[in-house]
C-alpha atoms as a PDB file:
ATOM      1  CA  MET A   1      29.252  34.119 -26.175  1.00  0.00           C
ATOM      2  CA  THR A   2      30.307  30.647 -25.069  1.00  0.00           C
ATOM      3  CA  THR A   3      33.418  32.109 -23.449  1.00  0.00           C
ATOM      4  CA  VAL A   4      31.250  34.291 -21.216  1.00  0.00           C
ATOM      5  CA  TYR A   5      29.088  31.349 -20.164  1.00  0.00           C
ATOM      6  CA  ALA A   6      32.153  29.186 -19.562  1.00  0.00           C
ATOM      7  CA  PHE A   7      33.599  31.917 -17.341  1.00  0.00           C
ATOM      8  CA  VAL A   8      30.331  32.262 -15.386  1.00  0.00           C
ATOM      9  CA  PHE A   9      30.066  28.494 -14.842  1.00  0.00           C
ATOM     10  CA  THR A  10      33.717  28.311 -13.775  1.00  0.00           C
ATOM     11  CA  VAL A  11      33.245  31.092 -11.245  1.00  0.00           C
ATOM     12  CA  LEU A  12      30.027  29.572  -9.907  1.00  0.00           C
ATOM     13  CA  PHE A  13      31.486  26.096  -9.504  1.00  0.00           C
ATOM     14  CA  GLY A  14      34.565  27.665  -7.916  1.00  0.00           C
ATOM     15  CA  PHE A  15      32.369  29.306  -5.287  1.00  0.00           C
ATOM     16  CA  ALA A  16      30.571  26.011  -4.744  1.00  0.00           C
ATOM     17  CA  ALA A  17      33.897  24.217  -4.242  1.00  0.00           C
ATOM     18  CA  VAL A  18      35.055  26.838  -1.738  1.00  0.00           C
ATOM     19  CA  LEU A  19      31.806  26.607   0.214  1.00  0.00           C
ATOM     20  CA  VAL A  20      31.836  22.811   0.512  1.00  0.00           C
ATOM     21  CA  GLY A  21      34.148  23.057   3.498  1.00  0.00           C
ATOM     22  CA  LYS A  22      31.747  25.340   5.338  1.00  0.00           C
ATOM     23  CA  ILE A  23      28.672  23.071   5.221  1.00  0.00           C
ATOM     24  CA  ASP A  24      29.648  21.162   8.367  1.00  0.00           C
ATOM     25  CA  SER A  25      30.231  24.318  10.382  1.00  0.00           C
ATOM     26  CA  LYS A  26      29.162  24.365  14.012  1.00  0.00           C
ATOM     27  CA  ASN A  27      28.217  28.033  13.750  1.00  0.00           C
ATOM     28  CA  GLU A  28      24.506  28.071  12.828  1.00  0.00           C
ATOM     29  CA  LEU A  29      24.637  31.475  11.127  1.00  0.00           C
ATOM     30  CA  GLU A  30      27.610  30.454   9.000  1.00  0.00           C
ATOM     31  CA  LYS A  31      25.891  27.194   8.082  1.00  0.00           C
ATOM     32  CA  GLN A  32      22.688  29.028   7.073  1.00  0.00           C
ATOM     33  CA  VAL A  33      24.581  31.575   4.965  1.00  0.00           C
ATOM     34  CA  THR A  34      26.485  28.742   3.273  1.00  0.00           C
ATOM     35  CA  GLU A  35      23.270  26.894   2.423  1.00  0.00           C
ATOM     36  CA  GLU A  36      21.682  30.091   1.065  1.00  0.00           C
ATOM     37  CA  THR A  37      24.786  30.730  -1.017  1.00  0.00           C
ATOM     38  CA  PHE A  38      24.527  27.236  -2.508  1.00  0.00           C
ATOM     39  CA  VAL A  39      20.950  28.012  -3.510  1.00  0.00           C
ATOM     40  CA  SER A  40      22.180  31.210  -5.169  1.00  0.00           C
ATOM     41  CA  VAL A  41      24.900  29.277  -7.012  1.00  0.00           C
ATOM     42  CA  LEU A  42      22.402  26.708  -8.290  1.00  0.00           C
ATOM     43  CA  THR A  43      19.965  29.431  -9.315  1.00  0.00           C
ATOM     44  CA  SER A  44      22.720  31.248 -11.207  1.00  0.00           C
ATOM     45  CA  ASN A  45      23.700  28.034 -12.994  1.00  0.00           C
ATOM     46  CA  ILE A  46      20.113  27.333 -14.034  1.00  0.00           C
ATOM     47  CA  LEU A  47      19.598  30.920 -15.196  1.00  0.00           C
ATOM     48  CA  SER A  48      22.836  30.785 -17.178  1.00  0.00           C
ATOM     49  CA  LEU A  49      21.678  27.594 -18.913  1.00  0.00           C
ATOM     50  CA  ILE A  50      18.325  29.214 -19.744  1.00  0.00           C
ATOM     51  CA  ASN A  51      20.182  32.252 -21.023  1.00  0.00           C
ATOM     52  CA  ALA A  52      22.416  30.111 -23.246  1.00  0.00           C
ATOM     53  CA  ILE A  53      19.361  28.374 -24.706  1.00  0.00           C
ATOM     54  CA  ALA A  54      17.633  31.723 -25.265  1.00  0.00           C
ATOM     55  CA  SER A  55      20.763  33.002 -27.046  1.00  0.00           C
ATOM     56  CA  ILE A  56      20.681  30.010 -29.390  1.00  0.00           C
ATOM     57  CA  ILE A  57      16.982  30.621 -30.027  1.00  0.00           C
ATOM     58  CA  LEU A  58      17.716  34.290 -30.741  1.00  0.00           C
ATOM     59  CA  LEU A  59      20.246  33.316 -33.394  1.00  0.00           C
ATOM     60  CA  ASN A  60      17.729  31.012 -35.092  1.00  0.00           C
ATOM     61  CA  ILE A  61      14.774  33.423 -35.188  1.00  0.00           C
ATOM     62  CA  ASN A  62      13.736  34.548 -38.640  1.00  0.00           C
ATOM     63  CA  GLU A  63      14.503  38.130 -39.599  1.00  0.00           C
ATOM     64  CA  ASP A  64      10.811  38.749 -40.306  1.00  0.00           C
ATOM     65  CA  SER A  65       9.688  38.377 -36.700  1.00  0.00           C
ATOM     66  CA  GLU A  66      11.105  41.547 -35.144  1.00  0.00           C
ATOM     67  CA  CYS A  67       8.699  41.444 -32.174  1.00  0.00           C
ATOM     68  CA  VAL A  68       9.775  37.937 -31.152  1.00  0.00           C
ATOM     69  CA  ARG A  69      13.432  38.877 -31.572  1.00  0.00           C
ATOM     70  CA  ASN A  70      12.964  41.897 -29.293  1.00  0.00           C
ATOM     71  CA  LEU A  71      11.120  39.806 -26.716  1.00  0.00           C
ATOM     72  CA  VAL A  72      13.826  37.125 -26.603  1.00  0.00           C
ATOM     73  CA  SER A  73      16.499  39.848 -26.399  1.00  0.00           C
ATOM     74  CA  ALA A  74      14.704  41.437 -23.450  1.00  0.00           C
ATOM     75  CA  ILE A  75      14.495  38.055 -21.716  1.00  0.00           C
ATOM     76  CA  ILE A  76      18.237  37.528 -22.257  1.00  0.00           C
ATOM     77  CA  TYR A  77      19.048  40.963 -20.823  1.00  0.00           C
ATOM     78  CA  CYS A  78      16.831  40.396 -17.781  1.00  0.00           C
ATOM     79  CA  ILE A  79      18.301  36.976 -17.047  1.00  0.00           C
ATOM     80  CA  SER A  80      21.828  38.351 -17.519  1.00  0.00           C
ATOM     81  CA  PHE A  81      21.134  41.158 -15.053  1.00  0.00           C
ATOM     82  CA  ILE A  82      19.707  38.726 -12.479  1.00  0.00           C
ATOM     83  CA  THR A  83      22.729  36.431 -12.910  1.00  0.00           C
ATOM     84  CA  ILE A  84      25.145  39.334 -12.381  1.00  0.00           C
ATOM     85  CA  MET A  85      23.271  40.381  -9.232  1.00  0.00           C
ATOM     86  CA  LEU A  86      23.385  36.797  -7.934  1.00  0.00           C
ATOM     87  CA  LEU A  87      27.135  36.630  -8.632  1.00  0.00           C
ATOM     88  CA  LEU A  88      27.679  39.817  -6.650  1.00  0.00           C
ATOM     89  CA  MET A  89      25.570  38.463  -3.782  1.00  0.00           C
ATOM     90  CA  ILE A  90      27.520  35.180  -3.803  1.00  0.00           C
ATOM     91  CA  THR A  91      30.800  37.109  -3.743  1.00  0.00           C
ATOM     92  CA  LYS A  92      29.609  39.220  -0.817  1.00  0.00           C
ATOM     93  CA  ARG A  93      28.409  36.212   1.176  1.00  0.00           C
ATOM     94  CA  THR A  94      31.630  34.292   0.577  1.00  0.00           C
ATOM     95  CA  PHE A  95      33.657  37.316   1.648  1.00  0.00           C
ATOM     96  CA  ILE A  96      31.585  37.701   4.816  1.00  0.00           C
ATOM     97  CA  ILE A  97      31.926  34.013   5.705  1.00  0.00           C
ATOM     98  CA  TYR A  98      35.711  34.049   5.422  1.00  0.00           C
ATOM     99  CA  CYS A  99      36.284  37.489   6.969  1.00  0.00           C
ATOM    100  CA  ASP A 100      34.069  36.615   9.930  1.00  0.00           C
ATOM    101  CA  LYS A 101      36.113  33.453  10.455  1.00  0.00           C
ATOM    102  CA  LYS A 102      39.407  35.403  10.527  1.00  0.00           C
ATOM    103  CA  LYS A 103      38.138  37.800  13.217  1.00  0.00           C
ATOM    104  CA  LYS A 104      37.465  34.967  15.705  1.00  0.00           C
END
């Protein structure tokens, strides 16, 4: 489980490092997309931290409380899905920023 979170954080911080060079762009659209992508990266990081905490909580829940275990599992699945969607959006935006730059 920690390997997955380490991979997600590495990818997210990698995108953030790549986008740092685009913040001072003179193109307003590129600058706006870069800022929105940073917000997506930060949101993904926060959601991944919440998901890691929820996973630890899931491991420590008593076996008697099946309802709570199912609820925490559903929360983990939802947050994981949102994080994956944000990663795909970040990838798309980064691709668009750099492909648009090569066309000009």
